[in-house]
Amino acid sequence: MRVSGRFERSDHMVAASRRFVTDVLPDMDPQARDAIELMVSELASNALTHAVSAFEVVVEISEGSIRVEVRDDGPGQPTMRFPDHHEPHGRGLQVVGRLSDEWGSTAEAGGKQVWFTLDFRAGNASEEPHVDESLDIGRPDEPETASVDALVEGASETHPQMLAA
């Protein structure tokens, strides 16, 4: 199963992209879902920072694994940085590298996709996710403020770095 959502170039869309993923994967193990939310947040933030375009989040579930892609129209490929402790930014791909089983980027006509995978056979989740196919997943023109606020508040306790988005 493959589901995608397109997000306009706006700071509010990072939170909306996290919400999109949690809506698609409602029955996923909470730890795996938290990790996916954090990685989506990092990649969506990178898309907003480095591309001059909207971005798309694609969630693909296959037997035993999940793949999430963040696509944008920006030039170039991401490079993992190793900033010193004084630099406030530049650790997002390190987070993705540590939390995922695999990650990478692929150049596409007019942009790129940055992706990560989680393999459920490797023990990253207690069970394969169930996708809620009844959702009306389209382009989120306006984020749901109450839901976004609740998500950010809850995430700030376990992932304080998510507030930077």
C-alpha atoms as a PDB file:
ATOM      1  CA  MET A   1       0.000   0.000   0.000  1.00  0.00           C
ATOM      2  CA  ARG A   2       1.237   3.474  -0.929  1.00  0.00           C
ATOM      3  CA  VAL A   3      -0.282   6.760   0.288  1.00  0.00           C
ATOM      4  CA  SER A   4       0.978  10.285  -0.326  1.00  0.00           C
ATOM      5  CA  GLY A   5       0.219  13.823   0.772  1.00  0.00           C
ATOM      6  CA  ARG A   6       1.428  17.138  -0.650  1.00  0.00           C
ATOM      7  CA  PHE A   7       2.310  20.038   1.633  1.00  0.00           C
ATOM      8  CA  GLU A   8       2.737  23.700   0.750  1.00  0.00           C
ATOM      9  CA  ARG A   9       5.930  25.580   1.541  1.00  0.00           C
ATOM     10  CA  SER A  10       5.034  26.761   5.060  1.00  0.00           C
ATOM     11  CA  ASP A  11       6.442  26.184   8.531  1.00  0.00           C
ATOM     12  CA  HIS A  12       3.036  24.836   9.628  1.00  0.00           C
ATOM     13  CA  MET A  13       3.321  22.012   7.121  1.00  0.00           C
ATOM     14  CA  VAL A  14       6.063  20.208   9.073  1.00  0.00           C
ATOM     15  CA  ALA A  15       3.552  19.540  11.842  1.00  0.00           C
ATOM     16  CA  ALA A  16       0.876  18.731   9.244  1.00  0.00           C
ATOM     17  CA  SER A  17       3.179  16.148   7.645  1.00  0.00           C
ATOM     18  CA  ARG A  18       3.723  14.482  11.034  1.00  0.00           C
ATOM     19  CA  ARG A  19      -0.044  14.388  11.528  1.00  0.00           C
ATOM     20  CA  PHE A  20      -0.492  12.892   8.062  1.00  0.00           C
ATOM     21  CA  VAL A  21       1.844  10.015   8.921  1.00  0.00           C
ATOM     22  CA  THR A  22       0.194   9.304  12.281  1.00  0.00           C
ATOM     23  CA  ASP A  23      -3.230   9.344  10.604  1.00  0.00           C
ATOM     24  CA  VAL A  24      -2.022   6.836   8.019  1.00  0.00           C
ATOM     25  CA  LEU A  25      -0.520   4.543  10.698  1.00  0.00           C
ATOM     26  CA  PRO A  26      -2.979   4.676  13.605  1.00  0.00           C
ATOM     27  CA  ASP A  27      -2.305   1.190  14.999  1.00  0.00           C
ATOM     28  CA  MET A  28       1.472   1.240  14.846  1.00  0.00           C
ATOM     29  CA  ASP A  29       3.603   0.504  17.878  1.00  0.00           C
ATOM     30  CA  PRO A  30       3.950   3.847  19.740  1.00  0.00           C
ATOM     31  CA  GLN A  31       7.764   3.784  19.821  1.00  0.00           C
ATOM     32  CA  ALA A  32       8.015   3.099  16.101  1.00  0.00           C
ATOM     33  CA  ARG A  33       5.408   5.788  15.372  1.00  0.00           C
ATOM     34  CA  ASP A  34       7.349   8.314  17.488  1.00  0.00           C
ATOM     35  CA  ALA A  35      10.531   7.493  15.588  1.00  0.00           C
ATOM     36  CA  ILE A  36       8.749   7.868  12.242  1.00  0.00           C
ATOM     37  CA  GLU A  37       7.231  11.199  13.318  1.00  0.00           C
ATOM     38  CA  LEU A  38      10.643  12.508  14.323  1.00  0.00           C
ATOM     39  CA  MET A  39      12.279  11.380  11.078  1.00  0.00           C
ATOM     40  CA  VAL A  40       9.460  12.881   8.977  1.00  0.00           C
ATOM     41  CA  SER A  41       9.832  16.115  10.929  1.00  0.00           C
ATOM     42  CA  GLU A  42      13.562  16.224  10.217  1.00  0.00           C
ATOM     43  CA  LEU A  43      13.186  15.498   6.508  1.00  0.00           C
ATOM     44  CA  ALA A  44      10.251  17.910   6.072  1.00  0.00           C
ATOM     45  CA  SER A  45      12.219  20.633   7.863  1.00  0.00           C
ATOM     46  CA  ASN A  46      15.145  19.987   5.521  1.00  0.00           C
ATOM     47  CA  ALA A  47      12.841  20.246   2.506  1.00  0.00           C
ATOM     48  CA  LEU A  48      11.551  23.619   3.713  1.00  0.00           C
ATOM     49  CA  THR A  49      15.037  24.878   4.515  1.00  0.00           C
ATOM     50  CA  HIS A  50      16.862  23.762   1.383  1.00  0.00           C
ATOM     51  CA  ALA A  51      14.211  23.617  -1.358  1.00  0.00           C
ATOM     52  CA  VAL A  52      12.139  26.429  -2.769  1.00  0.00           C
ATOM     53  CA  SER A  53       9.058  24.325  -3.221  1.00  0.00           C
ATOM     54  CA  ALA A  54       6.241  22.443  -1.617  1.00  0.00           C
ATOM     55  CA  PHE A  55       7.047  18.892  -0.563  1.00  0.00           C
ATOM     56  CA  GLU A  56       5.383  15.502  -0.690  1.00  0.00           C
ATOM     57  CA  VAL A  57       5.402  12.743   1.917  1.00  0.00           C
ATOM     58  CA  VAL A  58       4.935   9.189   0.668  1.00  0.00           C
ATOM     59  CA  VAL A  59       4.275   6.265   3.037  1.00  0.00           C
ATOM     60  CA  GLU A  60       4.684   2.815   1.552  1.00  0.00           C
ATOM     61  CA  ILE A  61       3.931  -0.312   3.544  1.00  0.00           C
ATOM     62  CA  SER A  62       4.967  -3.697   2.306  1.00  0.00           C
ATOM     63  CA  GLU A  63       5.235  -7.035   4.016  1.00  0.00           C
ATOM     64  CA  GLY A  64       7.515  -6.555   6.998  1.00  0.00           C
ATOM     65  CA  SER A  65       8.626  -2.975   6.353  1.00  0.00           C
ATOM     66  CA  ILE A  66       7.649   0.642   5.938  1.00  0.00           C
ATOM     67  CA  ARG A  67       9.306   3.203   3.683  1.00  0.00           C
ATOM     68  CA  VAL A  68       8.740   6.942   3.991  1.00  0.00           C
ATOM     69  CA  GLU A  69       9.887   9.402   1.335  1.00  0.00           C
ATOM     70  CA  VAL A  70       9.995  13.182   1.451  1.00  0.00           C
ATOM     71  CA  ARG A  71      10.170  14.647  -2.052  1.00  0.00           C
ATOM     72  CA  ASP A  72      10.913  18.237  -3.009  1.00  0.00           C
ATOM     73  CA  ASP A  73      11.907  20.270  -6.046  1.00  0.00           C
ATOM     74  CA  GLY A  74      15.156  21.536  -4.558  1.00  0.00           C
ATOM     75  CA  PRO A  75      18.521  21.038  -6.242  1.00  0.00           C
ATOM     76  CA  GLY A  76      21.375  18.970  -4.864  1.00  0.00           C
ATOM     77  CA  GLN A  77      21.551  15.990  -2.572  1.00  0.00           C
ATOM     78  CA  PRO A  78      21.589  15.985   1.231  1.00  0.00           C
ATOM     79  CA  THR A  79      24.866  15.436   3.023  1.00  0.00           C
ATOM     80  CA  MET A  80      25.173  14.231   6.579  1.00  0.00           C
ATOM     81  CA  ARG A  81      26.874  16.897   8.653  1.00  0.00           C
ATOM     82  CA  PHE A  82      28.739  16.611  11.924  1.00  0.00           C
ATOM     83  CA  PRO A  83      28.399  20.073  13.492  1.00  0.00           C
ATOM     84  CA  ASP A  84      30.178  20.929  16.698  1.00  0.00           C
ATOM     85  CA  HIS A  85      28.163  21.413  19.867  1.00  0.00           C
ATOM     86  CA  HIS A  86      27.877  25.197  19.306  1.00  0.00           C
ATOM     87  CA  GLU A  87      25.972  24.882  16.031  1.00  0.00           C
ATOM     88  CA  PRO A  88      22.178  24.761  16.542  1.00  0.00           C
ATOM     89  CA  HIS A  89      21.391  22.931  13.267  1.00  0.00           C
ATOM     90  CA  GLY A  90      22.726  20.175  11.058  1.00  0.00           C
ATOM     91  CA  ARG A  91      21.923  16.984  12.969  1.00  0.00           C
ATOM     92  CA  GLY A  92      18.716  15.904  11.212  1.00  0.00           C
ATOM     93  CA  LEU A  93      20.259  13.288   8.957  1.00  0.00           C
ATOM     94  CA  GLN A  94      22.176  11.869  11.927  1.00  0.00           C
ATOM     95  CA  VAL A  95      18.816  11.396  13.672  1.00  0.00           C
ATOM     96  CA  VAL A  96      17.392   9.683  10.589  1.00  0.00           C
ATOM     97  CA  GLY A  97      20.491   7.508  10.280  1.00  0.00           C
ATOM     98  CA  ARG A  98      20.267   6.344  13.883  1.00  0.00           C
ATOM     99  CA  LEU A  99      16.515   5.703  14.010  1.00  0.00           C
ATOM    100  CA  SER A 100      16.020   4.029  10.623  1.00  0.00           C
ATOM    101  CA  ASP A 101      17.206   0.678   9.338  1.00  0.00           C
ATOM    102  CA  GLU A 102      18.266   2.315   6.108  1.00  0.00           C
ATOM    103  CA  TRP A 103      18.085   5.777   4.544  1.00  0.00           C
ATOM    104  CA  GLY A 104      19.253   7.549   1.426  1.00  0.00           C
ATOM    105  CA  SER A 105      18.410  10.020  -1.286  1.00  0.00           C
ATOM    106  CA  THR A 106      17.618   9.710  -4.952  1.00  0.00           C
ATOM    107  CA  ALA A 107      17.853  12.430  -7.583  1.00  0.00           C
ATOM    108  CA  GLU A 108      14.699  12.853  -9.644  1.00  0.00           C
ATOM    109  CA  ALA A 109      13.833  15.074 -12.578  1.00  0.00           C
ATOM    110  CA  GLY A 110      13.421  18.512 -11.038  1.00  0.00           C
ATOM    111  CA  GLY A 111      14.309  17.542  -7.471  1.00  0.00           C
ATOM    112  CA  LYS A 112      15.008  14.689  -5.105  1.00  0.00           C
ATOM    113  CA  GLN A 113      13.535  12.270  -2.635  1.00  0.00           C
ATOM    114  CA  VAL A 114      15.038  11.519   0.749  1.00  0.00           C
ATOM    115  CA  TRP A 115      13.791   8.275   2.238  1.00  0.00           C
ATOM    116  CA  PHE A 116      14.097   5.936   5.184  1.00  0.00           C
ATOM    117  CA  THR A 117      12.916   2.433   5.965  1.00  0.00           C
ATOM    118  CA  LEU A 118      12.011   0.503   9.089  1.00  0.00           C
ATOM    119  CA  ASP A 119      12.070  -3.281   8.957  1.00  0.00           C
ATOM    120  CA  PHE A 120       9.557  -4.864  11.318  1.00  0.00           C
ATOM    121  CA  ARG A 121      11.280  -8.219  11.061  1.00  0.00           C
ATOM    122  CA  ALA A 122      14.283  -6.560  12.693  1.00  0.00           C
ATOM    123  CA  GLY A 123      12.258  -5.871  15.839  1.00  0.00           C
ATOM    124  CA  ASN A 124      11.698  -2.142  15.396  1.00  0.00           C
ATOM    125  CA  ALA A 125       7.982  -2.506  16.047  1.00  0.00           C
ATOM    126  CA  SER A 126       5.918  -5.016  17.928  1.00  0.00           C
ATOM    127  CA  GLU A 127       3.663  -5.567  14.946  1.00  0.00           C
ATOM    128  CA  GLU A 128       3.208  -4.452  11.383  1.00  0.00           C
ATOM    129  CA  PRO A 129       1.205  -1.250  11.054  1.00  0.00           C
ATOM    130  CA  HIS A 130      -2.399  -1.215  10.003  1.00  0.00           C
ATOM    131  CA  VAL A 131      -3.181   1.464   7.445  1.00  0.00           C
ATOM    132  CA  ASP A 132      -6.457   3.290   7.887  1.00  0.00           C
ATOM    133  CA  GLU A 133      -7.707   3.290   4.290  1.00  0.00           C
ATOM    134  CA  SER A 134     -10.901   5.147   5.198  1.00  0.00           C
ATOM    135  CA  LEU A 135      -9.048   8.421   5.682  1.00  0.00           C
ATOM    136  CA  ASP A 136      -9.703  11.211   3.253  1.00  0.00           C
ATOM    137  CA  ILE A 137      -6.050  12.019   2.681  1.00  0.00           C
ATOM    138  CA  GLY A 138      -5.597  14.883   0.319  1.00  0.00           C
ATOM    139  CA  ARG A 139      -3.690  18.089   0.272  1.00  0.00           C
ATOM    140  CA  PRO A 140      -3.888  19.748   3.689  1.00  0.00           C
ATOM    141  CA  ASP A 141      -4.658  23.365   2.885  1.00  0.00           C
ATOM    142  CA  GLU A 142      -4.912  24.334   6.515  1.00  0.00           C
ATOM    143  CA  PRO A 143      -3.414  22.425   9.451  1.00  0.00           C
ATOM    144  CA  GLU A 144      -5.780  21.390  12.207  1.00  0.00           C
ATOM    145  CA  THR A 145      -4.601  23.775  14.903  1.00  0.00           C
ATOM    146  CA  ALA A 146      -5.830  21.807  17.912  1.00  0.00           C
ATOM    147  CA  SER A 147      -4.350  18.569  16.584  1.00  0.00           C
ATOM    148  CA  VAL A 148      -1.056  20.200  15.679  1.00  0.00           C
ATOM    149  CA  ASP A 149      -0.822  21.868  19.087  1.00  0.00           C
ATOM    150  CA  ALA A 150      -1.552  18.587  20.859  1.00  0.00           C
ATOM    151  CA  LEU A 151       1.011  16.779  18.731  1.00  0.00           C
ATOM    152  CA  VAL A 152       3.711  19.361  19.389  1.00  0.00           C
ATOM    153  CA  GLU A 153       2.924  19.413  23.108  1.00  0.00           C
ATOM    154  CA  GLY A 154       3.099  15.624  23.356  1.00  0.00           C
ATOM    155  CA  ALA A 155       6.204  15.398  21.210  1.00  0.00           C
ATOM    156  CA  SER A 156       8.021  18.053  23.215  1.00  0.00           C
ATOM    157  CA  GLU A 157       8.137  15.723  26.188  1.00  0.00           C
ATOM    158  CA  THR A 158       9.842  12.879  24.331  1.00  0.00           C
ATOM    159  CA  HIS A 159      11.541  14.742  21.453  1.00  0.00           C
ATOM    160  CA  PRO A 160      12.278  18.363  22.436  1.00  0.00           C
ATOM    161  CA  GLN A 161      14.182  18.930  19.194  1.00  0.00           C
ATOM    162  CA  MET A 162      10.901  18.603  17.244  1.00  0.00           C
ATOM    163  CA  LEU A 163       9.874  22.043  18.467  1.00  0.00           C
ATOM    164  CA  ALA A 164      12.440  23.631  16.180  1.00  0.00           C
ATOM    165  CA  ALA A 165      10.251  22.804  13.183  1.00  0.00           C
END
